[in-house]
C-alpha atoms as a PDB file:
ATOM      1  CA  UNK A   1     147.978 161.286 133.126  1.00  0.00           C
ATOM      2  CA  UNK A   2     144.762 162.688 134.131  1.00  0.00           C
ATOM      3  CA  UNK A   3     141.548 160.522 134.341  1.00  0.00           C
ATOM      4  CA  UNK A   4     138.067 161.850 133.811  1.00  0.00           C
ATOM      5  CA  UNK A   5     134.949 160.604 135.383  1.00  0.00           C
ATOM      6  CA  UNK A   6     133.875 156.968 134.742  1.00  0.00           C
ATOM      7  CA  UNK A   7     130.438 156.382 133.144  1.00  0.00           C
ATOM      8  CA  UNK A   8     128.493 153.029 133.157  1.00  0.00           C
ATOM      9  CA  UNK A   9     127.896 152.356 129.588  1.00  0.00           C
ATOM     10  CA  UNK A  10     125.933 149.143 129.512  1.00  0.00           C
ATOM     11  CA  UNK A  11     125.518 145.552 130.952  1.00  0.00           C
ATOM     12  CA  UNK A  12     127.207 142.770 128.958  1.00  0.00           C
ATOM     13  CA  UNK A  13     126.792 139.024 128.945  1.00  0.00           C
ATOM     14  CA  UNK A  14     129.406 138.296 131.918  1.00  0.00           C
ATOM     15  CA  UNK A  15     129.885 141.911 133.209  1.00  0.00           C
ATOM     16  CA  UNK A  16     129.411 145.497 132.388  1.00  0.00           C
ATOM     17  CA  UNK A  17     131.107 148.149 130.343  1.00  0.00           C
ATOM     18  CA  UNK A  18     132.379 151.331 131.543  1.00  0.00           C
ATOM     19  CA  UNK A  19     133.990 154.434 129.798  1.00  0.00           C
ATOM     20  CA  UNK A  20     136.153 157.279 130.653  1.00  0.00           C
ATOM     21  CA  UNK A  21     138.452 159.913 128.974  1.00  0.00           C
ATOM     22  CA  UNK A  22     142.193 159.875 129.743  1.00  0.00           C
ATOM     23  CA  UNK A  23     144.490 162.608 129.026  1.00  0.00           C
ATOM     24  CA  UNK A  24     148.199 161.895 128.761  1.00  0.00           C
ATOM     25  CA  UNK A  25     151.399 163.164 127.176  1.00  0.00           C
ATOM     26  CA  UNK A  26     152.195 162.378 123.699  1.00  0.00           C
ATOM     27  CA  UNK A  27     155.466 160.547 124.646  1.00  0.00           C
ATOM     28  CA  UNK A  28     153.514 157.804 126.733  1.00  0.00           C
ATOM     29  CA  UNK A  29     153.241 154.712 124.631  1.00  0.00           C
ATOM     30  CA  UNK A  30     149.481 153.455 124.161  1.00  0.00           C
ATOM     31  CA  UNK A  31     150.391 150.199 125.648  1.00  0.00           C
ATOM     32  CA  UNK A  32     151.593 151.679 128.871  1.00  0.00           C
ATOM     33  CA  UNK A  33     148.580 153.696 129.085  1.00  0.00           C
ATOM     34  CA  UNK A  34     146.099 150.829 128.675  1.00  0.00           C
ATOM     35  CA  UNK A  35     148.155 148.729 130.923  1.00  0.00           C
ATOM     36  CA  UNK A  36     147.875 151.523 133.624  1.00  0.00           C
ATOM     37  CA  UNK A  37     144.138 151.805 133.242  1.00  0.00           C
ATOM     38  CA  UNK A  38     143.447 148.065 133.502  1.00  0.00           C
ATOM     39  CA  UNK A  39     145.825 147.706 136.418  1.00  0.00           C
ATOM     40  CA  UNK A  40     143.962 150.548 138.321  1.00  0.00           C
ATOM     41  CA  UNK A  41     140.626 149.092 137.522  1.00  0.00           C
ATOM     42  CA  UNK A  42     141.556 145.517 138.473  1.00  0.00           C
ATOM     43  CA  UNK A  43     143.006 146.953 141.713  1.00  0.00           C
ATOM     44  CA  UNK A  44     139.669 148.918 142.481  1.00  0.00           C
ATOM     45  CA  UNK A  45     137.611 145.888 141.863  1.00  0.00           C
ATOM     46  CA  UNK A  46     139.933 143.700 144.128  1.00  0.00           C
ATOM     47  CA  UNK A  47     140.025 146.212 146.979  1.00  0.00           C
ATOM     48  CA  UNK A  48     136.233 146.123 146.929  1.00  0.00           C
ATOM     49  CA  UNK A  49     135.629 142.483 146.922  1.00  0.00           C
ATOM     50  CA  UNK A  50     134.321 142.588 143.405  1.00  0.00           C
ATOM     51  CA  UNK A  51     135.010 139.320 141.245  1.00  0.00           C
ATOM     52  CA  UNK A  52     134.904 139.653 137.595  1.00  0.00           C
ATOM     53  CA  UNK A  53     133.079 136.868 136.051  1.00  0.00           C
ATOM     54  CA  UNK A  54     134.730 135.059 133.197  1.00  0.00           C
ATOM     55  CA  UNK A  55     133.032 132.564 130.871  1.00  0.00           C
ATOM     56  CA  UNK A  56     134.592 129.265 130.790  1.00  0.00           C
ATOM     57  CA  UNK A  57     134.018 125.552 129.469  1.00  0.00           C
ATOM     58  CA  UNK A  58     134.420 122.554 131.470  1.00  0.00           C
ATOM     59  CA  UNK A  59     135.457 119.693 129.179  1.00  0.00           C
ATOM     60  CA  UNK A  60     135.084 116.072 130.781  1.00  0.00           C
ATOM     61  CA  UNK A  61     136.697 113.200 128.783  1.00  0.00           C
ATOM     62  CA  UNK A  62     134.811 109.844 129.321  1.00  0.00           C
ATOM     63  CA  UNK A  63     136.584 106.624 128.161  1.00  0.00           C
ATOM     64  CA  UNK A  64     134.710 103.456 127.412  1.00  0.00           C
ATOM     65  CA  UNK A  65     135.861 100.592 129.674  1.00  0.00           C
ATOM     66  CA  UNK A  66     137.018  97.375 127.849  1.00  0.00           C
ATOM     67  CA  UNK A  67     133.792  95.668 129.128  1.00  0.00           C
ATOM     68  CA  UNK A  68     131.447  98.203 127.597  1.00  0.00           C
ATOM     69  CA  UNK A  69     133.243  97.811 124.115  1.00  0.00           C
ATOM     70  CA  UNK A  70     132.447  93.935 123.765  1.00  0.00           C
END
C-alpha cells in the first residue's frame, strides 16, 4: 500500500478531521485497508503522547432514603 500526504481538513467538536489518499492492490479487502490506516494513526498519536478526546456521559443514580419517602 502507498500512502499519500495527510491533509488537515477541519476542527470537529472533539477533535479534528484529516484526509489522505491510499493506493492499494485490488485484491486487498476494504476492511483490511481501513483497519491498517486506523491502527497506524492510533500508533502515531500514542507515540507522540496525543490523547484522542471522546465525548462521554456520566450517569449518577440517586435513590431516595426510606426517611425521605415518608
